Amino acid sequence: MNDNPSFSMQPTLAGRIIELQPLQQSHAAALLDAAADGQLWNMKLSVIPGPGSADKYIATALAGREAGTVMPFAIVQRDSGRVVGSTRFWKIDRANRKMEIGHTWLSESVQRSGVNTEAKYLLLTHAFEVMRAVRVQFTTDELNEKSRAAILRIGAKQEGIVRNERIMPDGRVRNSVRFSIVDGEWLEVKAMLQAKMR
């Protein structure tokens, strides 16, 4: 979204309590430990790496980064250095200056702890202020009430239901809910997120 070659490299985004580090193959064991906190791979509403799928999960993310359409991160607690989840920009469309934030999951022990709010703040700040996005969207399973509520809490607006949007690993055909934040809303959303993080 910016022709400066330095923006083709994936940054590290540092906040007060977490750091979003570029996802690497070397994060595989730490990601598995993070997902083991709550055995998140058993969730039917999200795709989260488990003992047999972590390497493929990371390889897919890195292939997307190589193609320029994905920017995957490991979520790392700054005080302990512990990986507590993952998130990414994906569906990056530089011509139209839009992208999606997704594939976000957190260890059970840090859910509702402020980690998600700060992660979204770091990602949205980078999207709107560095990548000059005009639109950032979010998509979640229609059945995932917890995720839907979390997306609304960060200031996104629900746009509608996308029917039969994807087929889940267990074969279920999923309807998805689409949300977005657009550039004209960013300053208000930013102020609200900053207030939540105080």
C-alpha atoms as a PDB file:
ATOM      1  CA  MET A   1       0.000   0.000   0.000  1.00  0.00           C
ATOM      2  CA  ASN A   2       3.099   2.065   0.142  1.00  0.00           C
ATOM      3  CA  ASP A   3       5.673   1.827  -2.635  1.00  0.00           C
ATOM      4  CA  ASN A   4       8.553   2.228  -0.195  1.00  0.00           C
ATOM      5  CA  PRO A   5      10.434  -1.131  -0.308  1.00  0.00           C
ATOM      6  CA  SER A   6      10.897  -1.104   3.468  1.00  0.00           C
ATOM      7  CA  PHE A   7       7.148  -1.738   3.844  1.00  0.00           C
ATOM      8  CA  SER A   8       7.478  -5.086   2.051  1.00  0.00           C
ATOM      9  CA  MET A   9       9.229  -6.390   5.159  1.00  0.00           C
ATOM     10  CA  GLN A  10       7.015  -7.503   8.007  1.00  0.00           C
ATOM     11  CA  PRO A  11       7.444  -5.342  11.102  1.00  0.00           C
ATOM     12  CA  THR A  12       7.437  -6.197  14.779  1.00  0.00           C
ATOM     13  CA  LEU A  13       4.642  -4.248  16.489  1.00  0.00           C
ATOM     14  CA  ALA A  14       5.347  -3.493  20.157  1.00  0.00           C
ATOM     15  CA  GLY A  15       2.799  -2.438  22.749  1.00  0.00           C
ATOM     16  CA  ARG A  16       2.822  -2.098  26.521  1.00  0.00           C
ATOM     17  CA  ILE A  17       1.978  -5.728  27.399  1.00  0.00           C
ATOM     18  CA  ILE A  18       2.542  -7.628  24.155  1.00  0.00           C
ATOM     19  CA  GLU A  19       4.691  -7.688  21.063  1.00  0.00           C
ATOM     20  CA  LEU A  20       3.485  -8.926  17.694  1.00  0.00           C
ATOM     21  CA  GLN A  21       6.508 -10.710  16.215  1.00  0.00           C
ATOM     22  CA  PRO A  22       6.706 -11.896  12.594  1.00  0.00           C
ATOM     23  CA  LEU A  23       5.649 -15.555  12.644  1.00  0.00           C
ATOM     24  CA  GLN A  24       8.531 -17.966  11.963  1.00  0.00           C
ATOM     25  CA  GLN A  25       8.822 -21.739  11.645  1.00  0.00           C
ATOM     26  CA  SER A  26      10.824 -21.593  14.884  1.00  0.00           C
ATOM     27  CA  HIS A  27       7.615 -20.536  16.710  1.00  0.00           C
ATOM     28  CA  ALA A  28       6.030 -23.996  16.140  1.00  0.00           C
ATOM     29  CA  ALA A  29       6.692 -25.474  19.593  1.00  0.00           C
ATOM     30  CA  ALA A  30       5.721 -22.249  21.395  1.00  0.00           C
ATOM     31  CA  LEU A  31       2.500 -21.994  19.348  1.00  0.00           C
ATOM     32  CA  LEU A  32       1.615 -25.553  20.308  1.00  0.00           C
ATOM     33  CA  ASP A  33       2.215 -24.731  23.979  1.00  0.00           C
ATOM     34  CA  ALA A  34      -0.013 -21.657  23.624  1.00  0.00           C
ATOM     35  CA  ALA A  35      -2.788 -23.680  21.962  1.00  0.00           C
ATOM     36  CA  ALA A  36      -2.455 -26.412  24.619  1.00  0.00           C
ATOM     37  CA  ASP A  37      -3.562 -23.817  27.197  1.00  0.00           C
ATOM     38  CA  GLY A  38      -7.255 -24.685  26.830  1.00  0.00           C
ATOM     39  CA  GLN A  39      -6.689 -27.379  24.145  1.00  0.00           C
ATOM     40  CA  LEU A  40      -7.865 -24.836  21.605  1.00  0.00           C
ATOM     41  CA  TRP A  41      -7.412 -27.195  18.648  1.00  0.00           C
ATOM     42  CA  ASN A  42     -10.632 -28.947  19.792  1.00  0.00           C
ATOM     43  CA  MET A  43     -12.698 -25.837  19.018  1.00  0.00           C
ATOM     44  CA  LYS A  44     -15.113 -26.427  16.138  1.00  0.00           C
ATOM     45  CA  LEU A  45     -15.597 -22.727  15.335  1.00  0.00           C
ATOM     46  CA  SER A  46     -11.953 -21.841  14.544  1.00  0.00           C
ATOM     47  CA  VAL A  47      -8.925 -23.485  12.952  1.00  0.00           C
ATOM     48  CA  ILE A  48      -6.151 -23.512  15.561  1.00  0.00           C
ATOM     49  CA  PRO A  49      -2.879 -25.449  15.231  1.00  0.00           C
ATOM     50  CA  GLY A  50      -2.696 -28.755  17.071  1.00  0.00           C
ATOM     51  CA  PRO A  51      -0.050 -31.451  17.534  1.00  0.00           C
ATOM     52  CA  GLY A  52      -0.401 -32.692  13.952  1.00  0.00           C
ATOM     53  CA  SER A  53      -1.031 -29.411  12.159  1.00  0.00           C
ATOM     54  CA  ALA A  54       1.292 -26.695  13.540  1.00  0.00           C
ATOM     55  CA  ASP A  55       3.952 -27.059  10.830  1.00  0.00           C
ATOM     56  CA  LYS A  56       1.360 -26.857   8.035  1.00  0.00           C
ATOM     57  CA  TYR A  57      -0.366 -23.923   9.765  1.00  0.00           C
ATOM     58  CA  ILE A  58       2.891 -21.958   9.843  1.00  0.00           C
ATOM     59  CA  ALA A  59       3.952 -23.028   6.324  1.00  0.00           C
ATOM     60  CA  THR A  60       0.642 -21.772   4.896  1.00  0.00           C
ATOM     61  CA  ALA A  61       1.062 -18.437   6.695  1.00  0.00           C
ATOM     62  CA  LEU A  62       4.650 -18.050   5.472  1.00  0.00           C
ATOM     63  CA  ALA A  63       3.658 -18.887   1.879  1.00  0.00           C
ATOM     64  CA  GLY A  64       1.073 -16.099   2.085  1.00  0.00           C
ATOM     65  CA  ARG A  65       3.711 -13.705   3.388  1.00  0.00           C
ATOM     66  CA  GLU A  66       5.982 -14.668   0.471  1.00  0.00           C
ATOM     67  CA  ALA A  67       3.091 -13.931  -1.920  1.00  0.00           C
ATOM     68  CA  GLY A  68       2.524 -10.533  -0.289  1.00  0.00           C
ATOM     69  CA  THR A  69      -1.058 -11.217   0.803  1.00  0.00           C
ATOM     70  CA  VAL A  70      -0.495 -12.270   4.428  1.00  0.00           C
ATOM     71  CA  MET A  71       1.365 -10.736   7.393  1.00  0.00           C
ATOM     72  CA  PRO A  72       1.309 -13.361  10.187  1.00  0.00           C
ATOM     73  CA  PHE A  73       2.326 -12.690  13.792  1.00  0.00           C
ATOM     74  CA  ALA A  74       3.061 -14.573  16.987  1.00  0.00           C
ATOM     75  CA  ILE A  75       1.564 -12.782  20.006  1.00  0.00           C
ATOM     76  CA  VAL A  76       4.255 -12.615  22.700  1.00  0.00           C
ATOM     77  CA  GLN A  77       3.890 -11.345  26.285  1.00  0.00           C
ATOM     78  CA  ARG A  78       6.581  -8.758  26.864  1.00  0.00           C
ATOM     79  CA  ASP A  79       7.194  -9.511  30.555  1.00  0.00           C
ATOM     80  CA  SER A  80       7.600 -13.297  30.180  1.00  0.00           C
ATOM     81  CA  GLY A  81       8.540 -13.721  26.513  1.00  0.00           C
ATOM     82  CA  ARG A  82       5.821 -16.389  26.297  1.00  0.00           C
ATOM     83  CA  VAL A  83       3.906 -16.904  23.032  1.00  0.00           C
ATOM     84  CA  VAL A  84       0.192 -16.689  23.876  1.00  0.00           C
ATOM     85  CA  GLY A  85      -1.407 -16.859  20.434  1.00  0.00           C
ATOM     86  CA  SER A  86      -1.335 -15.742  16.846  1.00  0.00           C
ATOM     87  CA  THR A  87      -2.997 -13.218  14.538  1.00  0.00           C
ATOM     88  CA  ARG A  88      -2.473 -11.903  11.030  1.00  0.00           C
ATOM     89  CA  PHE A  89      -3.323  -9.477   8.299  1.00  0.00           C
ATOM     90  CA  TRP A  90      -4.527 -11.468   5.307  1.00  0.00           C
ATOM     91  CA  LYS A  91      -6.394 -10.861   2.068  1.00  0.00           C
ATOM     92  CA  ILE A  92      -4.057  -7.858   1.736  1.00  0.00           C
ATOM     93  CA  ASP A  93      -5.147  -5.922  -1.361  1.00  0.00           C
ATOM     94  CA  ARG A  94      -2.598  -3.168  -1.910  1.00  0.00           C
ATOM     95  CA  ALA A  95      -4.332  -1.681  -4.965  1.00  0.00           C
ATOM     96  CA  ASN A  96      -7.563  -1.114  -3.053  1.00  0.00           C
ATOM     97  CA  ARG A  97      -5.826  -0.454   0.298  1.00  0.00           C
ATOM     98  CA  LYS A  98      -7.834  -3.019   2.228  1.00  0.00           C
ATOM     99  CA  MET A  99      -7.125  -6.127   4.261  1.00  0.00           C
ATOM    100  CA  GLU A 100      -8.604  -8.478   6.824  1.00  0.00           C
ATOM    101  CA  ILE A 101      -7.471  -9.106  10.395  1.00  0.00           C
ATOM    102  CA  GLY A 102      -8.081 -12.720  11.262  1.00  0.00           C
ATOM    103  CA  HIS A 103      -6.780 -16.131  12.278  1.00  0.00           C
ATOM    104  CA  THR A 104      -6.658 -14.623  15.775  1.00  0.00           C
ATOM    105  CA  TRP A 105      -6.586 -16.952  18.756  1.00  0.00           C
ATOM    106  CA  LEU A 106      -5.316 -16.664  22.320  1.00  0.00           C
ATOM    107  CA  SER A 107      -4.350 -19.091  25.064  1.00  0.00           C
ATOM    108  CA  GLU A 108      -7.297 -19.624  27.384  1.00  0.00           C
ATOM    109  CA  SER A 109      -5.433 -18.056  30.325  1.00  0.00           C
ATOM    110  CA  VAL A 110      -5.055 -14.663  28.572  1.00  0.00           C
ATOM    111  CA  GLN A 111      -8.527 -14.376  27.058  1.00  0.00           C
ATOM    112  CA  ARG A 112     -10.353 -11.243  28.332  1.00  0.00           C
ATOM    113  CA  SER A 113      -7.053  -9.977  29.806  1.00  0.00           C
ATOM    114  CA  GLY A 114      -6.369  -6.974  27.579  1.00  0.00           C
ATOM    115  CA  VAL A 115      -4.106  -8.918  25.210  1.00  0.00           C
ATOM    116  CA  ASN A 116      -6.687  -8.997  22.398  1.00  0.00           C
ATOM    117  CA  THR A 117      -7.497  -5.292  22.748  1.00  0.00           C
ATOM    118  CA  GLU A 118      -3.825  -4.300  22.543  1.00  0.00           C
ATOM    119  CA  ALA A 119      -3.200  -6.681  19.617  1.00  0.00           C
ATOM    120  CA  LYS A 120      -6.091  -5.172  17.664  1.00  0.00           C
ATOM    121  CA  TYR A 121      -4.913  -1.652  18.536  1.00  0.00           C
ATOM    122  CA  LEU A 122      -1.404  -2.401  17.221  1.00  0.00           C
ATOM    123  CA  LEU A 123      -2.733  -4.000  14.035  1.00  0.00           C
ATOM    124  CA  LEU A 124      -5.278  -1.279  13.300  1.00  0.00           C
ATOM    125  CA  THR A 125      -2.750   1.495  13.957  1.00  0.00           C
ATOM    126  CA  HIS A 126      -0.348  -0.145  11.517  1.00  0.00           C
ATOM    127  CA  ALA A 127      -3.102  -0.706   8.946  1.00  0.00           C
ATOM    128  CA  PHE A 128      -4.526   2.822   8.959  1.00  0.00           C
ATOM    129  CA  GLU A 129      -1.452   4.905   9.813  1.00  0.00           C
ATOM    130  CA  VAL A 130       1.392   3.042   8.091  1.00  0.00           C
ATOM    131  CA  MET A 131      -0.261   1.006   5.318  1.00  0.00           C
ATOM    132  CA  ARG A 132      -2.847   3.778   4.722  1.00  0.00           C
ATOM    133  CA  ALA A 133      -5.754   1.325   4.581  1.00  0.00           C
ATOM    134  CA  VAL A 134      -9.212   2.594   3.713  1.00  0.00           C
ATOM    135  CA  ARG A 135     -10.881  -0.572   5.024  1.00  0.00           C
ATOM    136  CA  VAL A 136     -10.037  -3.314   7.520  1.00  0.00           C
ATOM    137  CA  GLN A 137     -12.471  -6.195   7.751  1.00  0.00           C
ATOM    138  CA  PHE A 138     -13.072  -9.080  10.155  1.00  0.00           C
ATOM    139  CA  THR A 139     -14.908 -12.346   9.502  1.00  0.00           C
ATOM    140  CA  THR A 140     -16.056 -14.910  12.050  1.00  0.00           C
ATOM    141  CA  ASP A 141     -18.260 -17.960  12.259  1.00  0.00           C
ATOM    142  CA  GLU A 142     -21.945 -17.079  12.575  1.00  0.00           C
ATOM    143  CA  LEU A 143     -22.092 -19.519  15.522  1.00  0.00           C
ATOM    144  CA  ASN A 144     -19.130 -17.951  17.366  1.00  0.00           C
ATOM    145  CA  GLU A 145     -20.940 -15.557  19.714  1.00  0.00           C
ATOM    146  CA  LYS A 146     -17.775 -14.903  21.762  1.00  0.00           C
ATOM    147  CA  SER A 147     -15.806 -13.795  18.693  1.00  0.00           C
ATOM    148  CA  ARG A 148     -18.684 -11.696  17.363  1.00  0.00           C
ATOM    149  CA  ALA A 149     -18.948  -9.846  20.690  1.00  0.00           C
ATOM    150  CA  ALA A 150     -15.165  -9.285  20.801  1.00  0.00           C
ATOM    151  CA  ILE A 151     -15.145  -7.782  17.292  1.00  0.00           C
ATOM    152  CA  LEU A 152     -18.009  -5.421  18.165  1.00  0.00           C
ATOM    153  CA  ARG A 153     -16.167  -4.419  21.380  1.00  0.00           C
ATOM    154  CA  ILE A 154     -13.205  -3.118  19.380  1.00  0.00           C
ATOM    155  CA  GLY A 155     -15.450  -0.777  17.391  1.00  0.00           C
ATOM    156  CA  ALA A 156     -16.091  -2.703  14.165  1.00  0.00           C
ATOM    157  CA  LYS A 157     -19.509  -2.497  12.518  1.00  0.00           C
ATOM    158  CA  GLN A 158     -21.377  -5.617  11.431  1.00  0.00           C
ATOM    159  CA  GLU A 159     -22.102  -5.603   7.695  1.00  0.00           C
ATOM    160  CA  GLY A 160     -23.972  -8.867   7.195  1.00  0.00           C
ATOM    161  CA  ILE A 161     -23.942 -12.644   6.923  1.00  0.00           C
ATOM    162  CA  VAL A 162     -21.992 -14.305   4.101  1.00  0.00           C
ATOM    163  CA  ARG A 163     -23.795 -17.596   3.468  1.00  0.00           C
ATOM    164  CA  ASN A 164     -21.870 -20.852   2.870  1.00  0.00           C
ATOM    165  CA  GLU A 165     -18.653 -18.827   3.079  1.00  0.00           C
ATOM    166  CA  ARG A 166     -16.322 -21.762   3.808  1.00  0.00           C
ATOM    167  CA  ILE A 167     -16.144 -25.445   4.637  1.00  0.00           C
ATOM    168  CA  MET A 168     -14.693 -26.214   8.056  1.00  0.00           C
ATOM    169  CA  PRO A 169     -12.226 -29.083   8.673  1.00  0.00           C
ATOM    170  CA  ASP A 170     -15.061 -31.255  10.055  1.00  0.00           C
ATOM    171  CA  GLY A 171     -17.052 -30.755   6.812  1.00  0.00           C
ATOM    172  CA  ARG A 172     -19.579 -28.256   8.192  1.00  0.00           C
ATOM    173  CA  VAL A 173     -20.546 -25.555   5.687  1.00  0.00           C
ATOM    174  CA  ARG A 174     -20.103 -22.305   7.593  1.00  0.00           C
ATOM    175  CA  ASN A 175     -22.002 -19.045   7.366  1.00  0.00           C
ATOM    176  CA  SER A 176     -19.732 -16.139   8.308  1.00  0.00           C
ATOM    177  CA  VAL A 177     -20.400 -12.704   9.780  1.00  0.00           C
ATOM    178  CA  ARG A 178     -18.525  -9.820   8.165  1.00  0.00           C
ATOM    179  CA  PHE A 179     -17.509  -6.684  10.084  1.00  0.00           C
ATOM    180  CA  SER A 180     -15.380  -3.681   9.131  1.00  0.00           C
ATOM    181  CA  ILE A 181     -13.739  -0.471  10.246  1.00  0.00           C
ATOM    182  CA  VAL A 182     -13.174   2.161   7.556  1.00  0.00           C
ATOM    183  CA  ASP A 183     -10.652   4.984   7.553  1.00  0.00           C
ATOM    184  CA  GLY A 184     -13.172   7.696   8.459  1.00  0.00           C
ATOM    185  CA  GLU A 185     -13.998   5.795  11.670  1.00  0.00           C
ATOM    186  CA  TRP A 186     -10.424   5.131  12.740  1.00  0.00           C
ATOM    187  CA  LEU A 187      -9.799   8.161  14.991  1.00  0.00           C
ATOM    188  CA  GLU A 188     -12.933   7.448  17.035  1.00  0.00           C
ATOM    189  CA  VAL A 189     -12.092   3.726  17.264  1.00  0.00           C
ATOM    190  CA  LYS A 190      -8.497   4.570  18.186  1.00  0.00           C
ATOM    191  CA  ALA A 191      -9.583   6.839  21.058  1.00  0.00           C
ATOM    192  CA  MET A 192     -11.995   4.164  22.344  1.00  0.00           C
ATOM    193  CA  LEU A 193      -9.281   1.466  22.279  1.00  0.00           C
ATOM    194  CA  GLN A 194      -6.788   3.767  24.008  1.00  0.00           C
ATOM    195  CA  ALA A 195      -9.340   4.401  26.770  1.00  0.00           C
ATOM    196  CA  LYS A 196      -9.846   0.630  27.226  1.00  0.00           C
ATOM    197  CA  MET A 197      -6.078   0.100  27.578  1.00  0.00           C
ATOM    198  CA  ARG A 198      -5.551   2.715  30.327  1.00  0.00           C
END
